[in-house]
Every structure is written in structure tokens, then in C-alpha cells.
Amino acid sequence: TKEGETLLDHLINYSNDQNVLRDETLNILLAG
């Protein structure tokens, strides 16, 4: 990860599918 990079910034490097990004962040938000 880069300095100042958020988790969402990091996830975008794996997928540009906004549904996937939304689901992943929502799952982690539930836990967090």
C-alpha cells in the first residue's frame, strides 16, 4: 500500500466493478 492510501483506494487496484467494491467495503464496515 502507498502512503496515505485508504482501503478503498487499495481495493480499486483489484477491481473496477463497483458492486464488488461496494460489497467488500460494506462487509468490512459491518465488522469494523
Full PDB file with SEQRES, HELIX, SHEET, SSBOND, CRYST1, ORIGX, SCALE, CONECT and MASTER records, all heavy atoms in Angstrom:
SEQRES   1 A   32  THR LYS GLU GLY GLU THR LEU LEU ASP HIS LEU ILE ASN          
SEQRES   2 A   32  TYR SER ASN ASP GLN ASN VAL LEU ARG ASP GLU THR LEU          
SEQRES   3 A   32  ASN ILE LEU LEU ALA GLY                                      
HELIX    1 AA1 LEU A    7  ILE A   12  1                                   6    
HELIX    2 AA2 GLN A   18  ALA A   31  1                                  14    
CRYST1    1.000    1.000    1.000  90.00  90.00  90.00 P 1           1          
ORIGX1      1.000000  0.000000  0.000000        0.00000                         
ORIGX2      0.000000  1.000000  0.000000        0.00000                         
ORIGX3      0.000000  0.000000  1.000000        0.00000                         
SCALE1      1.000000  0.000000  0.000000        0.00000                         
SCALE2      0.000000  1.000000  0.000000        0.00000                         
SCALE3      0.000000  0.000000  1.000000        0.00000                         
ATOM      1  N   THR A   1       0.838  -1.194   0.000  1.00  0.00           N  
ATOM      2  CA  THR A   1       0.000   0.000   0.000  1.00  0.00           C  
ATOM      3  C   THR A   1       0.873   1.242   0.000  1.00  0.00           C  
ATOM      4  O   THR A   1       2.006   1.234   0.487  1.00  0.00           O  
ATOM      5  CB  THR A   1      -0.904   0.010   1.237  1.00  0.00           C  
ATOM      6  OG1 THR A   1      -0.095  -0.018   2.414  1.00  0.00           O  
ATOM      7  CG2 THR A   1      -1.842  -1.186   1.224  1.00  0.00           C  
ATOM      8  N   LYS A   2       0.315   2.314  -0.532  1.00  0.00           N  
ATOM      9  CA  LYS A   2       1.046   3.573  -0.616  1.00  0.00           C  
ATOM     10  C   LYS A   2       0.724   4.450   0.589  1.00  0.00           C  
ATOM     11  O   LYS A   2      -0.302   4.291   1.242  1.00  0.00           O  
ATOM     12  CB  LYS A   2       0.684   4.300  -1.910  1.00  0.00           C  
ATOM     13  CG  LYS A   2       1.045   3.529  -3.173  1.00  0.00           C  
ATOM     14  CD  LYS A   2       0.631   4.310  -4.412  1.00  0.00           C  
ATOM     15  CE  LYS A   2       0.986   3.547  -5.683  1.00  0.00           C  
ATOM     16  NZ  LYS A   2       0.574   4.277  -6.912  1.00  0.00           N  
ATOM     17  N   GLU A   3       1.600   5.397   0.836  1.00  0.00           N  
ATOM     18  CA  GLU A   3       1.394   6.333   1.932  1.00  0.00           C  
ATOM     19  C   GLU A   3       0.108   7.128   1.700  1.00  0.00           C  
ATOM     20  O   GLU A   3      -0.120   7.673   0.621  1.00  0.00           O  
ATOM     21  CB  GLU A   3       2.590   7.299   2.028  1.00  0.00           C  
ATOM     22  CG  GLU A   3       2.502   8.272   3.179  1.00  0.00           C  
ATOM     23  CD  GLU A   3       2.657   7.579   4.526  1.00  0.00           C  
ATOM     24  OE1 GLU A   3       3.298   6.511   4.580  1.00  0.00           O  
ATOM     25  OE2 GLU A   3       2.130   8.109   5.525  1.00  0.00           O  
ATOM     26  N   GLY A   4      -0.747   7.162   2.721  1.00  0.00           N  
ATOM     27  CA  GLY A   4      -1.986   7.914   2.624  1.00  0.00           C  
ATOM     28  C   GLY A   4      -3.094   7.216   1.868  1.00  0.00           C  
ATOM     29  O   GLY A   4      -4.181   7.781   1.688  1.00  0.00           O  
ATOM     30  N   GLU A   5      -2.842   5.993   1.431  1.00  0.00           N  
ATOM     31  CA  GLU A   5      -3.841   5.254   0.667  1.00  0.00           C  
ATOM     32  C   GLU A   5      -4.876   4.644   1.599  1.00  0.00           C  
ATOM     33  O   GLU A   5      -4.527   4.065   2.626  1.00  0.00           O  
ATOM     34  CB  GLU A   5      -3.141   4.160  -0.139  1.00  0.00           C  
ATOM     35  CG  GLU A   5      -4.035   3.461  -1.142  1.00  0.00           C  
ATOM     36  CD  GLU A   5      -3.257   2.448  -1.969  1.00  0.00           C  
ATOM     37  OE1 GLU A   5      -2.657   1.524  -1.376  1.00  0.00           O  
ATOM     38  OE2 GLU A   5      -3.234   2.587  -3.203  1.00  0.00           O  
ATOM     39  N   THR A   6      -6.155   4.781   1.254  1.00  0.00           N  
ATOM     40  CA  THR A   6      -7.214   4.167   2.047  1.00  0.00           C  
ATOM     41  C   THR A   6      -7.434   2.735   1.582  1.00  0.00           C  
ATOM     42  O   THR A   6      -6.945   2.322   0.523  1.00  0.00           O  
ATOM     43  CB  THR A   6      -8.531   4.943   1.918  1.00  0.00           C  
ATOM     44  OG1 THR A   6      -9.035   4.782   0.581  1.00  0.00           O  
ATOM     45  CG2 THR A   6      -8.331   6.422   2.211  1.00  0.00           C  
ATOM     46  N   LEU A   7      -8.210   2.012   2.358  1.00  0.00           N  
ATOM     47  CA  LEU A   7      -8.520   0.635   1.969  1.00  0.00           C  
ATOM     48  C   LEU A   7      -9.281   0.613   0.657  1.00  0.00           C  
ATOM     49  O   LEU A   7      -9.022  -0.236  -0.205  1.00  0.00           O  
ATOM     50  CB  LEU A   7      -9.337  -0.054   3.061  1.00  0.00           C  
ATOM     51  CG  LEU A   7      -9.807  -1.470   2.756  1.00  0.00           C  
ATOM     52  CD1 LEU A   7      -8.639  -2.392   2.426  1.00  0.00           C  
ATOM     53  CD2 LEU A   7     -10.592  -2.050   3.932  1.00  0.00           C  
ATOM     54  N   LEU A   8     -10.206   1.546   0.471  1.00  0.00           N  
ATOM     55  CA  LEU A   8     -10.955   1.590  -0.775  1.00  0.00           C  
ATOM     56  C   LEU A   8     -10.027   1.901  -1.951  1.00  0.00           C  
ATOM     57  O   LEU A   8     -10.147   1.300  -3.024  1.00  0.00           O  
ATOM     58  CB  LEU A   8     -12.075   2.632  -0.683  1.00  0.00           C  
ATOM     59  CG  LEU A   8     -12.992   2.759  -1.894  1.00  0.00           C  
ATOM     60  CD1 LEU A   8     -13.613   1.421  -2.273  1.00  0.00           C  
ATOM     61  CD2 LEU A   8     -14.078   3.791  -1.615  1.00  0.00           C  
ATOM     62  N   ASP A   9      -9.081   2.825  -1.758  1.00  0.00           N  
ATOM     63  CA  ASP A   9      -8.086   3.103  -2.806  1.00  0.00           C  
ATOM     64  C   ASP A   9      -7.326   1.834  -3.173  1.00  0.00           C  
ATOM     65  O   ASP A   9      -7.050   1.567  -4.350  1.00  0.00           O  
ATOM     66  CB  ASP A   9      -7.081   4.167  -2.332  1.00  0.00           C  
ATOM     67  CG  ASP A   9      -7.705   5.535  -2.148  1.00  0.00           C  
ATOM     68  OD1 ASP A   9      -8.711   5.818  -2.829  1.00  0.00           O  
ATOM     69  OD2 ASP A   9      -7.196   6.302  -1.320  1.00  0.00           O  
ATOM     70  N   HIS A  10      -6.983   1.073  -2.163  1.00  0.00           N  
ATOM     71  CA  HIS A  10      -6.229  -0.159  -2.370  1.00  0.00           C  
ATOM     72  C   HIS A  10      -7.061  -1.191  -3.128  1.00  0.00           C  
ATOM     73  O   HIS A  10      -6.574  -1.844  -4.059  1.00  0.00           O  
ATOM     74  CB  HIS A  10      -5.795  -0.704  -1.004  1.00  0.00           C  
ATOM     75  CG  HIS A  10      -5.094  -2.016  -1.045  1.00  0.00           C  
ATOM     76  ND1 HIS A  10      -3.846  -2.194  -1.613  1.00  0.00           N  
ATOM     77  CD2 HIS A  10      -5.473  -3.240  -0.589  1.00  0.00           C  
ATOM     78  CE1 HIS A  10      -3.485  -3.465  -1.493  1.00  0.00           C  
ATOM     79  NE2 HIS A  10      -4.459  -4.122  -0.883  1.00  0.00           N  
ATOM     80  N   LEU A  11      -8.335  -1.324  -2.770  1.00  0.00           N  
ATOM     81  CA  LEU A  11      -9.196  -2.326  -3.399  1.00  0.00           C  
ATOM     82  C   LEU A  11      -9.425  -2.033  -4.874  1.00  0.00           C  
ATOM     83  O   LEU A  11      -9.615  -2.956  -5.673  1.00  0.00           O  
ATOM     84  CB  LEU A  11     -10.543  -2.397  -2.671  1.00  0.00           C  
ATOM     85  CG  LEU A  11     -10.532  -2.914  -1.228  1.00  0.00           C  
ATOM     86  CD1 LEU A  11     -11.933  -2.878  -0.645  1.00  0.00           C  
ATOM     87  CD2 LEU A  11      -9.958  -4.315  -1.151  1.00  0.00           C  
ATOM     88  N   ILE A  12      -9.403  -0.755  -5.232  1.00  0.00           N  
ATOM     89  CA  ILE A  12      -9.644  -0.382  -6.627  1.00  0.00           C  
ATOM     90  C   ILE A  12      -8.576  -0.957  -7.545  1.00  0.00           C  
ATOM     91  O   ILE A  12      -8.810  -1.162  -8.745  1.00  0.00           O  
ATOM     92  CB  ILE A  12      -9.734   1.159  -6.757  1.00  0.00           C  
ATOM     93  CG1 ILE A  12     -11.017   1.654  -6.080  1.00  0.00           C  
ATOM     94  CG2 ILE A  12      -9.709   1.611  -8.201  1.00  0.00           C  
ATOM     95  CD1 ILE A  12     -11.118   3.152  -5.967  1.00  0.00           C  
ATOM     96  N   ASN A  13      -7.405  -1.261  -6.997  1.00  0.00           N  
ATOM     97  CA  ASN A  13      -6.354  -1.867  -7.810  1.00  0.00           C  
ATOM     98  C   ASN A  13      -6.659  -3.312  -8.188  1.00  0.00           C  
ATOM     99  O   ASN A  13      -5.993  -3.884  -9.045  1.00  0.00           O  
ATOM    100  CB  ASN A  13      -5.016  -1.803  -7.060  1.00  0.00           C  
ATOM    101  CG  ASN A  13      -4.485  -0.400  -6.953  1.00  0.00           C  
ATOM    102  OD1 ASN A  13      -3.906   0.133  -7.887  1.00  0.00           O  
ATOM    103  ND2 ASN A  13      -4.703   0.226  -5.805  1.00  0.00           N  
ATOM    104  N   TYR A  14      -7.665  -3.904  -7.538  1.00  0.00           N  
ATOM    105  CA  TYR A  14      -8.029  -5.284  -7.817  1.00  0.00           C  
ATOM    106  C   TYR A  14      -9.267  -5.398  -8.695  1.00  0.00           C  
ATOM    107  O   TYR A  14      -9.479  -6.414  -9.335  1.00  0.00           O  
ATOM    108  CB  TYR A  14      -8.292  -6.033  -6.501  1.00  0.00           C  
ATOM    109  CG  TYR A  14      -7.073  -6.200  -5.631  1.00  0.00           C  
ATOM    110  CD1 TYR A  14      -6.675  -5.195  -4.764  1.00  0.00           C  
ATOM    111  CD2 TYR A  14      -6.313  -7.363  -5.695  1.00  0.00           C  
ATOM    112  CE1 TYR A  14      -5.560  -5.351  -3.956  1.00  0.00           C  
ATOM    113  CE2 TYR A  14      -5.204  -7.526  -4.896  1.00  0.00           C  
ATOM    114  CZ  TYR A  14      -4.821  -6.511  -4.028  1.00  0.00           C  
ATOM    115  OH  TYR A  14      -3.715  -6.679  -3.240  1.00  0.00           O  
ATOM    116  N   SER A  15     -10.081  -4.377  -8.694  1.00  0.00           N  
ATOM    117  CA  SER A  15     -11.333  -4.460  -9.448  1.00  0.00           C  
ATOM    118  C   SER A  15     -11.882  -3.063  -9.712  1.00  0.00           C  
ATOM    119  O   SER A  15     -11.741  -2.163  -8.877  1.00  0.00           O  
ATOM    120  CB  SER A  15     -12.373  -5.285  -8.666  1.00  0.00           C  
ATOM    121  OG  SER A  15     -13.618  -5.277  -9.328  1.00  0.00           O  
ATOM    122  N   ASN A  16     -12.494  -2.893 -10.870  1.00  0.00           N  
ATOM    123  CA  ASN A  16     -13.227  -1.657 -11.139  1.00  0.00           C  
ATOM    124  C   ASN A  16     -14.730  -1.899 -11.139  1.00  0.00           C  
ATOM    125  O   ASN A  16     -15.511  -1.038 -11.534  1.00  0.00           O  
ATOM    126  CB  ASN A  16     -12.785  -1.034 -12.471  1.00  0.00           C  
ATOM    127  CG  ASN A  16     -13.142  -1.940 -13.654  1.00  0.00           C  
ATOM    128  OD1 ASN A  16     -13.554  -3.089 -13.479  1.00  0.00           O  
ATOM    129  ND2 ASN A  16     -12.971  -1.413 -14.862  1.00  0.00           N  
ATOM    130  N   ASP A  17     -15.130  -3.087 -10.690  1.00  0.00           N  
ATOM    131  CA  ASP A  17     -16.542  -3.415 -10.572  1.00  0.00           C  
ATOM    132  C   ASP A  17     -17.065  -2.762  -9.292  1.00  0.00           C  
ATOM    133  O   ASP A  17     -16.713  -3.163  -8.181  1.00  0.00           O  
ATOM    134  CB  ASP A  17     -16.727  -4.935 -10.498  1.00  0.00           C  
ATOM    135  CG  ASP A  17     -18.193  -5.352 -10.523  1.00  0.00           C  
ATOM    136  OD1 ASP A  17     -19.026  -4.621  -9.975  1.00  0.00           O  
ATOM    137  OD2 ASP A  17     -18.491  -6.435 -11.075  1.00  0.00           O  
ATOM    138  N   GLN A  18     -17.910  -1.766  -9.451  1.00  0.00           N  
ATOM    139  CA  GLN A  18     -18.355  -1.003  -8.295  1.00  0.00           C  
ATOM    140  C   GLN A  18     -19.225  -1.830  -7.360  1.00  0.00           C  
ATOM    141  O   GLN A  18     -19.281  -1.563  -6.158  1.00  0.00           O  
ATOM    142  CB  GLN A  18     -19.088   0.260  -8.750  1.00  0.00           C  
ATOM    143  CG  GLN A  18     -18.159   1.235  -9.468  1.00  0.00           C  
ATOM    144  CD  GLN A  18     -18.808   2.576  -9.738  1.00  0.00           C  
ATOM    145  OE1 GLN A  18     -19.831   2.925  -9.172  1.00  0.00           O  
ATOM    146  NE2 GLN A  18     -18.199   3.351 -10.627  1.00  0.00           N  
ATOM    147  N   ASN A  19     -19.902  -2.844  -7.875  1.00  0.00           N  
ATOM    148  CA  ASN A  19     -20.673  -3.727  -7.000  1.00  0.00           C  
ATOM    149  C   ASN A  19     -19.752  -4.532  -6.084  1.00  0.00           C  
ATOM    150  O   ASN A  19     -20.025  -4.703  -4.901  1.00  0.00           O  
ATOM    151  CB  ASN A  19     -21.550  -4.670  -7.828  1.00  0.00           C  
ATOM    152  CG  ASN A  19     -22.697  -3.961  -8.510  1.00  0.00           C  
ATOM    153  OD1 ASN A  19     -23.197  -2.952  -8.014  1.00  0.00           O  
ATOM    154  ND2 ASN A  19     -23.110  -4.467  -9.661  1.00  0.00           N  
ATOM    155  N   VAL A  20     -18.655  -5.017  -6.662  1.00  0.00           N  
ATOM    156  CA  VAL A  20     -17.675  -5.766  -5.864  1.00  0.00           C  
ATOM    157  C   VAL A  20     -17.052  -4.867  -4.806  1.00  0.00           C  
ATOM    158  O   VAL A  20     -16.930  -5.247  -3.625  1.00  0.00           O  
ATOM    159  CB  VAL A  20     -16.580  -6.363  -6.776  1.00  0.00           C  
ATOM    160  CG1 VAL A  20     -15.448  -6.967  -5.944  1.00  0.00           C  
ATOM    161  CG2 VAL A  20     -17.167  -7.407  -7.708  1.00  0.00           C  
ATOM    162  N   LEU A  21     -16.675  -3.660  -5.203  1.00  0.00           N  
ATOM    163  CA  LEU A  21     -16.068  -2.720  -4.266  1.00  0.00           C  
ATOM    164  C   LEU A  21     -17.041  -2.345  -3.151  1.00  0.00           C  
ATOM    165  O   LEU A  21     -16.670  -2.265  -1.982  1.00  0.00           O  
ATOM    166  CB  LEU A  21     -15.611  -1.463  -5.010  1.00  0.00           C  
ATOM    167  CG  LEU A  21     -14.500  -1.664  -6.038  1.00  0.00           C  
ATOM    168  CD1 LEU A  21     -14.298  -0.395  -6.854  1.00  0.00           C  
ATOM    169  CD2 LEU A  21     -13.199  -2.065  -5.350  1.00  0.00           C  
ATOM    170  N   ARG A  22     -18.299  -2.124  -3.528  1.00  0.00           N  
ATOM    171  CA  ARG A  22     -19.317  -1.778  -2.529  1.00  0.00           C  
ATOM    172  C   ARG A  22     -19.511  -2.917  -1.534  1.00  0.00           C  
ATOM    173  O   ARG A  22     -19.536  -2.711  -0.324  1.00  0.00           O  
ATOM    174  CB  ARG A  22     -20.641  -1.463  -3.222  1.00  0.00           C  
ATOM    175  CG  ARG A  22     -21.781  -1.065  -2.288  1.00  0.00           C  
ATOM    176  CD  ARG A  22     -23.108  -1.228  -2.981  1.00  0.00           C  
ATOM    177  NE  ARG A  22     -23.378  -2.627  -3.314  1.00  0.00           N  
ATOM    178  CZ  ARG A  22     -24.089  -3.017  -4.361  1.00  0.00           C  
ATOM    179  NH1 ARG A  22     -24.576  -2.133  -5.214  1.00  0.00           N  
ATOM    180  NH2 ARG A  22     -24.295  -4.312  -4.584  1.00  0.00           N  
ATOM    181  N   ASP A  23     -19.635  -4.147  -2.063  1.00  0.00           N  
ATOM    182  CA  ASP A  23     -19.860  -5.299  -1.180  1.00  0.00           C  
ATOM    183  C   ASP A  23     -18.681  -5.522  -0.242  1.00  0.00           C  
ATOM    184  O   ASP A  23     -18.862  -5.820   0.948  1.00  0.00           O  
ATOM    185  CB  ASP A  23     -20.109  -6.562  -2.014  1.00  0.00           C  
ATOM    186  CG  ASP A  23     -21.428  -6.512  -2.773  1.00  0.00           C  
ATOM    187  OD1 ASP A  23     -22.268  -5.655  -2.453  1.00  0.00           O  
ATOM    188  OD2 ASP A  23     -21.605  -7.327  -3.693  1.00  0.00           O  
ATOM    189  N   GLU A  24     -17.474  -5.384  -0.780  1.00  0.00           N  
ATOM    190  CA  GLU A  24     -16.290  -5.630   0.042  1.00  0.00           C  
ATOM    191  C   GLU A  24     -16.181  -4.609   1.172  1.00  0.00           C  
ATOM    192  O   GLU A  24     -15.941  -4.965   2.332  1.00  0.00           O  
ATOM    193  CB  GLU A  24     -15.034  -5.576  -0.824  1.00  0.00           C  
ATOM    194  CG  GLU A  24     -13.804  -6.175  -0.173  1.00  0.00           C  
ATOM    195  CD  GLU A  24     -13.937  -7.677   0.037  1.00  0.00           C  
ATOM    196  OE1 GLU A  24     -14.550  -8.362  -0.796  1.00  0.00           O  
ATOM    197  OE2 GLU A  24     -13.435  -8.163   1.073  1.00  0.00           O  
ATOM    198  N   THR A  25     -16.369  -3.337   0.844  1.00  0.00           N  
ATOM    199  CA  THR A  25     -16.274  -2.311   1.878  1.00  0.00           C  
ATOM    200  C   THR A  25     -17.412  -2.431   2.886  1.00  0.00           C  
ATOM    201  O   THR A  25     -17.214  -2.204   4.081  1.00  0.00           O  
ATOM    202  CB  THR A  25     -16.286  -0.902   1.253  1.00  0.00           C  
ATOM    203  OG1 THR A  25     -17.419  -0.777   0.377  1.00  0.00           O  
ATOM    204  CG2 THR A  25     -15.019  -0.652   0.463  1.00  0.00           C  
ATOM    205  N   LEU A  26     -18.585  -2.813   2.412  1.00  0.00           N  
ATOM    206  CA  LEU A  26     -19.715  -2.983   3.326  1.00  0.00           C  
ATOM    207  C   LEU A  26     -19.468  -4.131   4.297  1.00  0.00           C  
ATOM    208  O   LEU A  26     -19.781  -4.028   5.491  1.00  0.00           O  
ATOM    209  CB  LEU A  26     -21.001  -3.229   2.532  1.00  0.00           C  
ATOM    210  CG  LEU A  26     -22.288  -3.322   3.356  1.00  0.00           C  
ATOM    211  CD1 LEU A  26     -22.552  -2.002   4.072  1.00  0.00           C  
ATOM    212  CD2 LEU A  26     -23.466  -3.670   2.466  1.00  0.00           C  
ATOM    213  N   ASN A  27     -18.895  -5.229   3.819  1.00  0.00           N  
ATOM    214  CA  ASN A  27     -18.560  -6.354   4.691  1.00  0.00           C  
ATOM    215  C   ASN A  27     -17.585  -5.922   5.781  1.00  0.00           C  
ATOM    216  O   ASN A  27     -17.755  -6.257   6.962  1.00  0.00           O  
ATOM    217  CB  ASN A  27     -17.946  -7.493   3.880  1.00  0.00           C  
ATOM    218  CG  ASN A  27     -18.967  -8.403   3.223  1.00  0.00           C  
ATOM    219  OD1 ASN A  27     -18.984  -9.608   3.435  1.00  0.00           O  
ATOM    220  ND2 ASN A  27     -19.846  -7.842   2.411  1.00  0.00           N  
ATOM    221  N   ILE A  28     -16.569  -5.181   5.396  1.00  0.00           N  
ATOM    222  CA  ILE A  28     -15.562  -4.756   6.362  1.00  0.00           C  
ATOM    223  C   ILE A  28     -16.139  -3.702   7.301  1.00  0.00           C  
ATOM    224  O   ILE A  28     -15.808  -3.662   8.493  1.00  0.00           O  
ATOM    225  CB  ILE A  28     -14.309  -4.240   5.632  1.00  0.00           C  
ATOM    226  CG1 ILE A  28     -13.708  -5.375   4.791  1.00  0.00           C  
ATOM    227  CG2 ILE A  28     -13.280  -3.720   6.619  1.00  0.00           C  
ATOM    228  CD1 ILE A  28     -12.599  -4.948   3.881  1.00  0.00           C  
ATOM    229  N   LEU A  29     -17.028  -2.860   6.782  1.00  0.00           N  
ATOM    230  CA  LEU A  29     -17.686  -1.875   7.635  1.00  0.00           C  
ATOM    231  C   LEU A  29     -18.544  -2.559   8.690  1.00  0.00           C  
ATOM    232  O   LEU A  29     -18.604  -2.125   9.841  1.00  0.00           O  
ATOM    233  CB  LEU A  29     -18.548  -0.937   6.778  1.00  0.00           C  
ATOM    234  CG  LEU A  29     -19.291   0.173   7.519  1.00  0.00           C  
ATOM    235  CD1 LEU A  29     -18.310   1.071   8.258  1.00  0.00           C  
ATOM    236  CD2 LEU A  29     -20.136   0.995   6.548  1.00  0.00           C  
ATOM    237  N   LEU A  30     -19.226  -3.632   8.307  1.00  0.00           N  
ATOM    238  CA  LEU A  30     -20.026  -4.398   9.264  1.00  0.00           C  
ATOM    239  C   LEU A  30     -19.149  -4.893  10.404  1.00  0.00           C  
ATOM    240  O   LEU A  30     -19.505  -4.783  11.591  1.00  0.00           O  
ATOM    241  CB  LEU A  30     -20.702  -5.579   8.564  1.00  0.00           C  
ATOM    242  CG  LEU A  30     -21.375  -6.621   9.469  1.00  0.00           C  
ATOM    243  CD1 LEU A  30     -22.537  -6.001  10.218  1.00  0.00           C  
ATOM    244  CD2 LEU A  30     -21.849  -7.823   8.657  1.00  0.00           C  
ATOM    245  N   ALA A  31     -17.978  -5.435  10.049  1.00  0.00           N  
ATOM    246  CA  ALA A  31     -17.070  -5.944  11.076  1.00  0.00           C  
ATOM    247  C   ALA A  31     -16.449  -4.809  11.883  1.00  0.00           C  
ATOM    248  O   ALA A  31     -16.323  -4.900  13.110  1.00  0.00           O  
ATOM    249  CB  ALA A  31     -15.972  -6.781  10.419  1.00  0.00           C  
ATOM    250  N   GLY A  32     -16.085  -3.734  11.201  1.00  0.00           N  
ATOM    251  CA  GLY A  32     -15.391  -2.642  11.871  1.00  0.00           C  
ATOM    252  C   GLY A  32     -16.292  -1.787  12.736  1.00  0.00           C  
ATOM    253  O   GLY A  32     -15.829  -1.172  13.702  1.00  0.00           O  
TER     254      GLY A  32                                                      
MASTER        0    0    0    2    0    0    0    6  253    1    0    3          
END                                                                             
